[in-house]
Amino acid sequence: MRQWKAAQAGDWATVKAEQDRLNEISHIWDVTSGVQGYAGGVGAFKTAMNLMGIFDSPTMPRPVKAMTGENVEAIRKVLQDNGLL
């Protein structure tokens, strides 16, 4: 929404800054290890939403397991570094 409002106002510096911020947040998908595909993409998203208090649980459909340990901490760091926690 911030990016859209900035674009509507012609504030291209803010549009770029917000795009850069969104790009940094997208690193939740590449800071994990030992997971790939659905487990990595959706798993990282669900973990981030859980850490932010939006989802009650990072549980994945069976047989995929929720992320744990270092993967959760890596996602937490991306969120913290970008002001989301």
PDB file of N, CA and C in Angstrom:
ATOM      1  N   MET A   1       0.818  -1.184   0.000  1.00  0.00           N
ATOM      2  CA  MET A   1       0.000   0.000   0.000  1.00  0.00           C
ATOM      3  C   MET A   1       0.872   1.263   0.000  1.00  0.00           C
ATOM      4  N   ARG A   2       1.966   1.232   0.779  1.00  0.00           N
ATOM      5  CA  ARG A   2       2.843   2.405   0.809  1.00  0.00           C
ATOM      6  C   ARG A   2       3.439   2.682  -0.568  1.00  0.00           C
ATOM      7  N   GLN A   3       3.809   1.612  -1.252  1.00  0.00           N
ATOM      8  CA  GLN A   3       4.405   1.779  -2.570  1.00  0.00           C
ATOM      9  C   GLN A   3       3.366   2.332  -3.547  1.00  0.00           C
ATOM     10  N   TRP A   4       2.160   1.815  -3.474  1.00  0.00           N
ATOM     11  CA  TRP A   4       1.091   2.282  -4.352  1.00  0.00           C
ATOM     12  C   TRP A   4       0.795   3.761  -4.116  1.00  0.00           C
ATOM     13  N   LYS A   5       0.677   4.152  -2.855  1.00  0.00           N
ATOM     14  CA  LYS A   5       0.395   5.558  -2.534  1.00  0.00           C
ATOM     15  C   LYS A   5       1.524   6.464  -3.011  1.00  0.00           C
ATOM     16  N   ALA A   6       2.756   6.013  -2.836  1.00  0.00           N
ATOM     17  CA  ALA A   6       3.895   6.810  -3.301  1.00  0.00           C
ATOM     18  C   ALA A   6       3.869   6.949  -4.816  1.00  0.00           C
ATOM     19  N   ALA A   7       3.542   5.864  -5.517  1.00  0.00           N
ATOM     20  CA  ALA A   7       3.468   5.926  -6.982  1.00  0.00           C
ATOM     21  C   ALA A   7       2.362   6.870  -7.426  1.00  0.00           C
ATOM     22  N   GLN A   8       1.234   6.811  -6.766  1.00  0.00           N
ATOM     23  CA  GLN A   8       0.126   7.701  -7.116  1.00  0.00           C
ATOM     24  C   GLN A   8       0.506   9.167  -6.912  1.00  0.00           C
ATOM     25  N   ALA A   9       1.387   9.412  -5.924  1.00  0.00           N
ATOM     26  CA  ALA A   9       1.832  10.774  -5.641  1.00  0.00           C
ATOM     27  C   ALA A   9       3.040  11.172  -6.497  1.00  0.00           C
ATOM     28  N   GLY A  10       3.556  10.236  -7.290  1.00  0.00           N
ATOM     29  CA  GLY A  10       4.722  10.533  -8.113  1.00  0.00           C
ATOM     30  C   GLY A  10       6.021  10.596  -7.312  1.00  0.00           C
ATOM     31  N   ASP A  11       6.017   9.998  -6.127  1.00  0.00           N
ATOM     32  CA  ASP A  11       7.186   9.994  -5.246  1.00  0.00           C
ATOM     33  C   ASP A  11       8.040   8.768  -5.564  1.00  0.00           C
ATOM     34  N   TRP A  12       8.822   8.856  -6.629  1.00  0.00           N
ATOM     35  CA  TRP A  12       9.558   7.712  -7.132  1.00  0.00           C
ATOM     36  C   TRP A  12      10.693   7.280  -6.226  1.00  0.00           C
ATOM     37  N   ALA A  13      11.240   8.181  -5.442  1.00  0.00           N
ATOM     38  CA  ALA A  13      12.290   7.794  -4.484  1.00  0.00           C
ATOM     39  C   ALA A  13      11.707   6.859  -3.423  1.00  0.00           C
ATOM     40  N   THR A  14      10.499   7.162  -2.956  1.00  0.00           N
ATOM     41  CA  THR A  14       9.840   6.301  -1.976  1.00  0.00           C
ATOM     42  C   THR A  14       9.429   4.981  -2.606  1.00  0.00           C
ATOM     43  N   VAL A  15       8.968   5.014  -3.851  1.00  0.00           N
ATOM     44  CA  VAL A  15       8.621   3.777  -4.557  1.00  0.00           C
ATOM     45  C   VAL A  15       9.850   2.866  -4.617  1.00  0.00           C
ATOM     46  N   LYS A  16      10.988   3.409  -5.001  1.00  0.00           N
ATOM     47  CA  LYS A  16      12.215   2.613  -5.078  1.00  0.00           C
ATOM     48  C   LYS A  16      12.625   2.103  -3.709  1.00  0.00           C
ATOM     49  N   ALA A  17      12.567   2.944  -2.694  1.00  0.00           N
ATOM     50  CA  ALA A  17      12.955   2.521  -1.343  1.00  0.00           C
ATOM     51  C   ALA A  17      12.061   1.387  -0.862  1.00  0.00           C
ATOM     52  N   GLU A  18      10.771   1.481  -1.128  1.00  0.00           N
ATOM     53  CA  GLU A  18       9.848   0.417  -0.707  1.00  0.00           C
ATOM     54  C   GLU A  18      10.099  -0.863  -1.494  1.00  0.00           C
ATOM     55  N   GLN A  19      10.400  -0.744  -2.784  1.00  0.00           N
ATOM     56  CA  GLN A  19      10.721  -1.928  -3.579  1.00  0.00           C
ATOM     57  C   GLN A  19      11.990  -2.594  -3.061  1.00  0.00           C
ATOM     58  N   ASP A  20      12.973  -1.788  -2.710  1.00  0.00           N
ATOM     59  CA  ASP A  20      14.211  -2.331  -2.150  1.00  0.00           C
ATOM     60  C   ASP A  20      13.932  -3.044  -0.824  1.00  0.00           C
ATOM     61  N   ARG A  21      13.066  -2.471  -0.003  1.00  0.00           N
ATOM     62  CA  ARG A  21      12.703  -3.084   1.279  1.00  0.00           C
ATOM     63  C   ARG A  21      11.990  -4.416   1.039  1.00  0.00           C
ATOM     64  N   LEU A  22      11.054  -4.450   0.118  1.00  0.00           N
ATOM     65  CA  LEU A  22      10.349  -5.689  -0.197  1.00  0.00           C
ATOM     66  C   LEU A  22      11.312  -6.752  -0.715  1.00  0.00           C
ATOM     67  N   ASN A  23      12.286  -6.329  -1.494  1.00  0.00           N
ATOM     68  CA  ASN A  23      13.292  -7.263  -1.988  1.00  0.00           C
ATOM     69  C   ASN A  23      14.076  -7.874  -0.831  1.00  0.00           C
ATOM     70  N   GLU A  24      14.434  -7.070   0.142  1.00  0.00           N
ATOM     71  CA  GLU A  24      15.171  -7.583   1.303  1.00  0.00           C
ATOM     72  C   GLU A  24      14.315  -8.566   2.100  1.00  0.00           C
ATOM     73  N   ILE A  25      13.042  -8.273   2.243  1.00  0.00           N
ATOM     74  CA  ILE A  25      12.136  -9.176   2.961  1.00  0.00           C
ATOM     75  C   ILE A  25      12.015 -10.507   2.227  1.00  0.00           C
ATOM     76  N   SER A  26      12.092 -10.482   0.916  1.00  0.00           N
ATOM     77  CA  SER A  26      11.956 -11.719   0.139  1.00  0.00           C
ATOM     78  C   SER A  26      13.084 -12.702   0.410  1.00  0.00           C
ATOM     79  N   HIS A  27      14.118 -12.274   1.103  1.00  0.00           N
ATOM     80  CA  HIS A  27      15.213 -13.188   1.427  1.00  0.00           C
ATOM     81  C   HIS A  27      14.810 -14.263   2.429  1.00  0.00           C
ATOM     82  N   ILE A  28      13.596 -14.194   2.972  1.00  0.00           N
ATOM     83  CA  ILE A  28      13.146 -15.290   3.845  1.00  0.00           C
ATOM     84  C   ILE A  28      13.186 -16.611   3.087  1.00  0.00           C
ATOM     85  N   TRP A  29      13.130 -16.561   1.750  1.00  0.00           N
ATOM     86  CA  TRP A  29      13.137 -17.792   0.953  1.00  0.00           C
ATOM     87  C   TRP A  29      14.530 -18.334   0.710  1.00  0.00           C
ATOM     88  N   ASP A  30      15.554 -17.515   0.857  1.00  0.00           N
ATOM     89  CA  ASP A  30      16.884 -18.033   0.543  1.00  0.00           C
ATOM     90  C   ASP A  30      17.849 -18.072   1.729  1.00  0.00           C
ATOM     91  N   VAL A  31      17.352 -17.830   2.927  1.00  0.00           N
ATOM     92  CA  VAL A  31      18.219 -17.923   4.106  1.00  0.00           C
ATOM     93  C   VAL A  31      18.107 -19.276   4.799  1.00  0.00           C
ATOM     94  N   THR A  32      17.207 -20.110   4.323  1.00  0.00           N
ATOM     95  CA  THR A  32      17.014 -21.414   4.941  1.00  0.00           C
ATOM     96  C   THR A  32      17.920 -22.453   4.294  1.00  0.00           C
ATOM     97  N   SER A  33      18.096 -23.560   4.995  1.00  0.00           N
ATOM     98  CA  SER A  33      18.892 -24.643   4.420  1.00  0.00           C
ATOM     99  C   SER A  33      18.209 -25.972   4.718  1.00  0.00           C
ATOM    100  N   GLY A  34      18.433 -26.920   3.821  1.00  0.00           N
ATOM    101  CA  GLY A  34      17.877 -28.249   4.003  1.00  0.00           C
ATOM    102  C   GLY A  34      16.418 -28.380   3.610  1.00  0.00           C
ATOM    103  N   VAL A  35      15.848 -27.329   3.044  1.00  0.00           N
ATOM    104  CA  VAL A  35      14.462 -27.374   2.566  1.00  0.00           C
ATOM    105  C   VAL A  35      14.424 -26.805   1.160  1.00  0.00           C
ATOM    106  N   GLN A  36      13.478 -27.268   0.375  1.00  0.00           N
ATOM    107  CA  GLN A  36      13.374 -26.765  -0.987  1.00  0.00           C
ATOM    108  C   GLN A  36      11.940 -26.878  -1.470  1.00  0.00           C
ATOM    109  N   GLY A  37      11.684 -26.285  -2.606  1.00  0.00           N
ATOM    110  CA  GLY A  37      10.348 -26.345  -3.191  1.00  0.00           C
ATOM    111  C   GLY A  37       9.291 -25.810  -2.250  1.00  0.00           C
ATOM    112  N   TYR A  38       8.178 -26.524  -2.199  1.00  0.00           N
ATOM    113  CA  TYR A  38       7.037 -26.134  -1.372  1.00  0.00           C
ATOM    114  C   TYR A  38       7.432 -25.936   0.088  1.00  0.00           C
ATOM    115  N   ALA A  39       8.238 -26.850   0.617  1.00  0.00           N
ATOM    116  CA  ALA A  39       8.650 -26.768   2.022  1.00  0.00           C
ATOM    117  C   ALA A  39       9.443 -25.492   2.283  1.00  0.00           C
ATOM    118  N   GLY A  40      10.254 -25.088   1.314  1.00  0.00           N
ATOM    119  CA  GLY A  40      11.053 -23.885   1.473  1.00  0.00           C
ATOM    120  C   GLY A  40      10.263 -22.614   1.261  1.00  0.00           C
ATOM    121  N   GLY A  41       9.503 -22.552   0.186  1.00  0.00           N
ATOM    122  CA  GLY A  41       8.758 -21.333  -0.138  1.00  0.00           C
ATOM    123  C   GLY A  41       7.597 -21.078   0.792  1.00  0.00           C
ATOM    124  N   VAL A  42       6.645 -21.984   0.800  1.00  0.00           N
ATOM    125  CA  VAL A  42       5.458 -21.819   1.655  1.00  0.00           C
ATOM    126  C   VAL A  42       5.864 -21.932   3.121  1.00  0.00           C
ATOM    127  N   GLY A  43       6.819 -22.826   3.404  1.00  0.00           N
ATOM    128  CA  GLY A  43       7.283 -22.979   4.779  1.00  0.00           C
ATOM    129  C   GLY A  43       7.896 -21.699   5.334  1.00  0.00           C
ATOM    130  N   ALA A  44       8.707 -21.023   4.536  1.00  0.00           N
ATOM    131  CA  ALA A  44       9.312 -19.764   4.966  1.00  0.00           C
ATOM    132  C   ALA A  44       8.235 -18.702   5.173  1.00  0.00           C
ATOM    133  N   PHE A  45       7.278 -18.635   4.255  1.00  0.00           N
ATOM    134  CA  PHE A  45       6.192 -17.672   4.364  1.00  0.00           C
ATOM    135  C   PHE A  45       5.375 -17.918   5.630  1.00  0.00           C
ATOM    136  N   LYS A  46       4.996 -19.175   5.875  1.00  0.00           N
ATOM    137  CA  LYS A  46       4.196 -19.493   7.059  1.00  0.00           C
ATOM    138  C   LYS A  46       4.981 -19.234   8.345  1.00  0.00           C
ATOM    139  N   THR A  47       6.270 -19.530   8.322  1.00  0.00           N
ATOM    140  CA  THR A  47       7.102 -19.261   9.488  1.00  0.00           C
ATOM    141  C   THR A  47       7.160 -17.764   9.766  1.00  0.00           C
ATOM    142  N   ALA A  48       7.353 -16.960   8.726  1.00  0.00           N
ATOM    143  CA  ALA A  48       7.390 -15.506   8.888  1.00  0.00           C
ATOM    144  C   ALA A  48       6.062 -14.986   9.427  1.00  0.00           C
ATOM    145  N   MET A  49       4.967 -15.458   8.872  1.00  0.00           N
ATOM    146  CA  MET A  49       3.649 -15.012   9.336  1.00  0.00           C
ATOM    147  C   MET A  49       3.406 -15.424  10.790  1.00  0.00           C
ATOM    148  N   ASN A  50       3.900 -16.590  11.169  1.00  0.00           N
ATOM    149  CA  ASN A  50       3.777 -17.045  12.553  1.00  0.00           C
ATOM    150  C   ASN A  50       4.617 -16.165  13.472  1.00  0.00           C
ATOM    151  N   LEU A  51       5.846 -15.880  13.086  1.00  0.00           N
ATOM    152  CA  LEU A  51       6.709 -15.028  13.904  1.00  0.00           C
ATOM    153  C   LEU A  51       6.125 -13.633  14.079  1.00  0.00           C
ATOM    154  N   MET A  52       5.423 -13.151  13.061  1.00  0.00           N
ATOM    155  CA  MET A  52       4.819 -11.820  13.117  1.00  0.00           C
ATOM    156  C   MET A  52       3.485 -11.817  13.851  1.00  0.00           C
ATOM    157  N   GLY A  53       3.002 -13.005  14.258  1.00  0.00           N
ATOM    158  CA  GLY A  53       1.746 -13.087  14.995  1.00  0.00           C
ATOM    159  C   GLY A  53       0.517 -13.081  14.118  1.00  0.00           C
ATOM    160  N   ILE A  54       0.685 -13.246  12.810  1.00  0.00           N
ATOM    161  CA  ILE A  54      -0.444 -13.247  11.882  1.00  0.00           C
ATOM    162  C   ILE A  54      -1.058 -14.634  11.791  1.00  0.00           C
ATOM    163  N   PHE A  55      -0.206 -15.666  11.755  1.00  0.00           N
ATOM    164  CA  PHE A  55      -0.662 -17.059  11.757  1.00  0.00           C
ATOM    165  C   PHE A  55      -0.444 -17.628  13.150  1.00  0.00           C
ATOM    166  N   ASP A  56      -1.363 -18.452  13.602  1.00  0.00           N
ATOM    167  CA  ASP A  56      -1.225 -19.093  14.911  1.00  0.00           C
ATOM    168  C   ASP A  56      -0.153 -20.162  14.924  1.00  0.00           C
ATOM    169  N   SER A  57       0.167 -20.718  13.772  1.00  0.00           N
ATOM    170  CA  SER A  57       1.081 -21.848  13.706  1.00  0.00           C
ATOM    171  C   SER A  57       1.776 -21.880  12.344  1.00  0.00           C
ATOM    172  N   PRO A  58       3.024 -22.370  12.305  1.00  0.00           N
ATOM    173  CA  PRO A  58       3.700 -22.548  11.032  1.00  0.00           C
ATOM    174  C   PRO A  58       3.492 -23.955  10.458  1.00  0.00           C
ATOM    175  N   THR A  59       2.517 -24.688  10.999  1.00  0.00           N
ATOM    176  CA  THR A  59       2.280 -26.069  10.597  1.00  0.00           C
ATOM    177  C   THR A  59       2.044 -26.168   9.095  1.00  0.00           C
ATOM    178  N   MET A  60       2.668 -27.171   8.502  1.00  0.00           N
ATOM    179  CA  MET A  60       2.532 -27.446   7.074  1.00  0.00           C
ATOM    180  C   MET A  60       1.697 -28.705   6.900  1.00  0.00           C
ATOM    181  N   PRO A  61       1.055 -28.882   5.743  1.00  0.00           N
ATOM    182  CA  PRO A  61       0.315 -30.113   5.496  1.00  0.00           C
ATOM    183  C   PRO A  61       1.259 -31.314   5.473  1.00  0.00           C
ATOM    184  N   ARG A  62       0.800 -32.423   6.008  1.00  0.00           N
ATOM    185  CA  ARG A  62       1.622 -33.634   6.001  1.00  0.00           C
ATOM    186  C   ARG A  62       1.912 -34.067   4.582  1.00  0.00           C
ATOM    187  N   PRO A  63       3.064 -34.529   4.287  1.00  0.00           N
ATOM    188  CA  PRO A  63       4.161 -34.932   5.158  1.00  0.00           C
ATOM    189  C   PRO A  63       5.201 -33.840   5.390  1.00  0.00           C
ATOM    190  N   VAL A  64       4.955 -32.613   4.939  1.00  0.00           N
ATOM    191  CA  VAL A  64       5.927 -31.529   5.081  1.00  0.00           C
ATOM    192  C   VAL A  64       5.951 -31.057   6.534  1.00  0.00           C
ATOM    193  N   LYS A  65       7.134 -30.886   7.058  1.00  0.00           N
ATOM    194  CA  LYS A  65       7.290 -30.440   8.439  1.00  0.00           C
ATOM    195  C   LYS A  65       7.532 -28.940   8.490  1.00  0.00           C
ATOM    196  N   ALA A  66       7.064 -28.335   9.559  1.00  0.00           N
ATOM    197  CA  ALA A  66       7.309 -26.910   9.780  1.00  0.00           C
ATOM    198  C   ALA A  66       8.803 -26.680   9.983  1.00  0.00           C
ATOM    199  N   MET A  67       9.254 -25.490   9.658  1.00  0.00           N
ATOM    200  CA  MET A  67      10.660 -25.158   9.858  1.00  0.00           C
ATOM    201  C   MET A  67      10.964 -25.068  11.343  1.00  0.00           C
ATOM    202  N   THR A  68      12.192 -25.395  11.685  1.00  0.00           N
ATOM    203  CA  THR A  68      12.621 -25.359  13.078  1.00  0.00           C
ATOM    204  C   THR A  68      14.026 -24.782  13.178  1.00  0.00           C
ATOM    205  N   GLY A  69      14.458 -24.568  14.387  1.00  0.00           N
ATOM    206  CA  GLY A  69      15.843 -24.228  14.699  1.00  0.00           C
ATOM    207  C   GLY A  69      16.446 -23.085  13.924  1.00  0.00           C
ATOM    208  N   GLU A  70      17.581 -23.374  13.284  1.00  0.00           N
ATOM    209  CA  GLU A  70      18.335 -22.339  12.576  1.00  0.00           C
ATOM    210  C   GLU A  70      17.541 -21.699  11.449  1.00  0.00           C
ATOM    211  N   ASN A  71      16.670 -22.452  10.808  1.00  0.00           N
ATOM    212  CA  ASN A  71      15.861 -21.873   9.734  1.00  0.00           C
ATOM    213  C   ASN A  71      14.910 -20.823  10.285  1.00  0.00           C
ATOM    214  N   VAL A  72      14.277 -21.108  11.409  1.00  0.00           N
ATOM    215  CA  VAL A  72      13.369 -20.137  12.029  1.00  0.00           C
ATOM    216  C   VAL A  72      14.169 -18.889  12.430  1.00  0.00           C
ATOM    217  N   GLU A  73      15.327 -19.092  13.002  1.00  0.00           N
ATOM    218  CA  GLU A  73      16.138 -17.954  13.441  1.00  0.00           C
ATOM    219  C   GLU A  73      16.628 -17.118  12.265  1.00  0.00           C
ATOM    220  N   ALA A  74      16.942 -17.760  11.148  1.00  0.00           N
ATOM    221  CA  ALA A  74      17.371 -17.020   9.954  1.00  0.00           C
ATOM    222  C   ALA A  74      16.225 -16.162   9.418  1.00  0.00           C
ATOM    223  N   ILE A  75      15.025 -16.708   9.422  1.00  0.00           N
ATOM    224  CA  ILE A  75      13.852 -15.943   8.981  1.00  0.00           C
ATOM    225  C   ILE A  75      13.573 -14.812   9.961  1.00  0.00           C
ATOM    226  N   ARG A  76      13.677 -15.097  11.252  1.00  0.00           N
ATOM    227  CA  ARG A  76      13.475 -14.064  12.281  1.00  0.00           C
ATOM    228  C   ARG A  76      14.438 -12.889  12.045  1.00  0.00           C
ATOM    229  N   LYS A  77      15.692 -13.200  11.719  1.00  0.00           N
ATOM    230  CA  LYS A  77      16.681 -12.132  11.499  1.00  0.00           C
ATOM    231  C   LYS A  77      16.301 -11.256  10.302  1.00  0.00           C
ATOM    232  N   VAL A  78      15.847 -11.876   9.214  1.00  0.00           N
ATOM    233  CA  VAL A  78      15.420 -11.078   8.057  1.00  0.00           C
ATOM    234  C   VAL A  78      14.282 -10.144   8.467  1.00  0.00           C
ATOM    235  N   LEU A  79      13.323 -10.667   9.209  1.00  0.00           N
ATOM    236  CA  LEU A  79      12.193  -9.839   9.652  1.00  0.00           C
ATOM    237  C   LEU A  79      12.659  -8.719  10.575  1.00  0.00           C
ATOM    238  N   GLN A  80      13.540  -9.033  11.511  1.00  0.00           N
ATOM    239  CA  GLN A  80      14.059  -8.008  12.429  1.00  0.00           C
ATOM    240  C   GLN A  80      14.841  -6.949  11.669  1.00  0.00           C
ATOM    241  N   ASP A  81      15.691  -7.381  10.764  1.00  0.00           N
ATOM    242  CA  ASP A  81      16.512  -6.441   9.994  1.00  0.00           C
ATOM    243  C   ASP A  81      15.673  -5.490   9.152  1.00  0.00           C
ATOM    244  N   ASN A  82      14.434  -5.894   8.865  1.00  0.00           N
ATOM    245  CA  ASN A  82      13.566  -5.072   8.025  1.00  0.00           C
ATOM    246  C   ASN A  82      12.417  -4.433   8.797  1.00  0.00           C
ATOM    247  N   GLY A  83      12.545  -4.418  10.118  1.00  0.00           N
ATOM    248  CA  GLY A  83      11.576  -3.708  10.960  1.00  0.00           C
ATOM    249  C   GLY A  83      10.223  -4.364  11.087  1.00  0.00           C
ATOM    250  N   LEU A  84      10.144  -5.666  10.822  1.00  0.00           N
ATOM    251  CA  LEU A  84       8.862  -6.340  10.919  1.00  0.00           C
ATOM    252  C   LEU A  84       8.683  -7.069  12.243  1.00  0.00           C
ATOM    253  N   LEU A  85       9.723  -7.131  13.043  1.00  0.00           N
ATOM    254  CA  LEU A  85       9.640  -7.700  14.395  1.00  0.00           C
ATOM    255  C   LEU A  85      10.269  -6.741  15.370  1.00  0.00           C
TER     256      LEU A  85
END
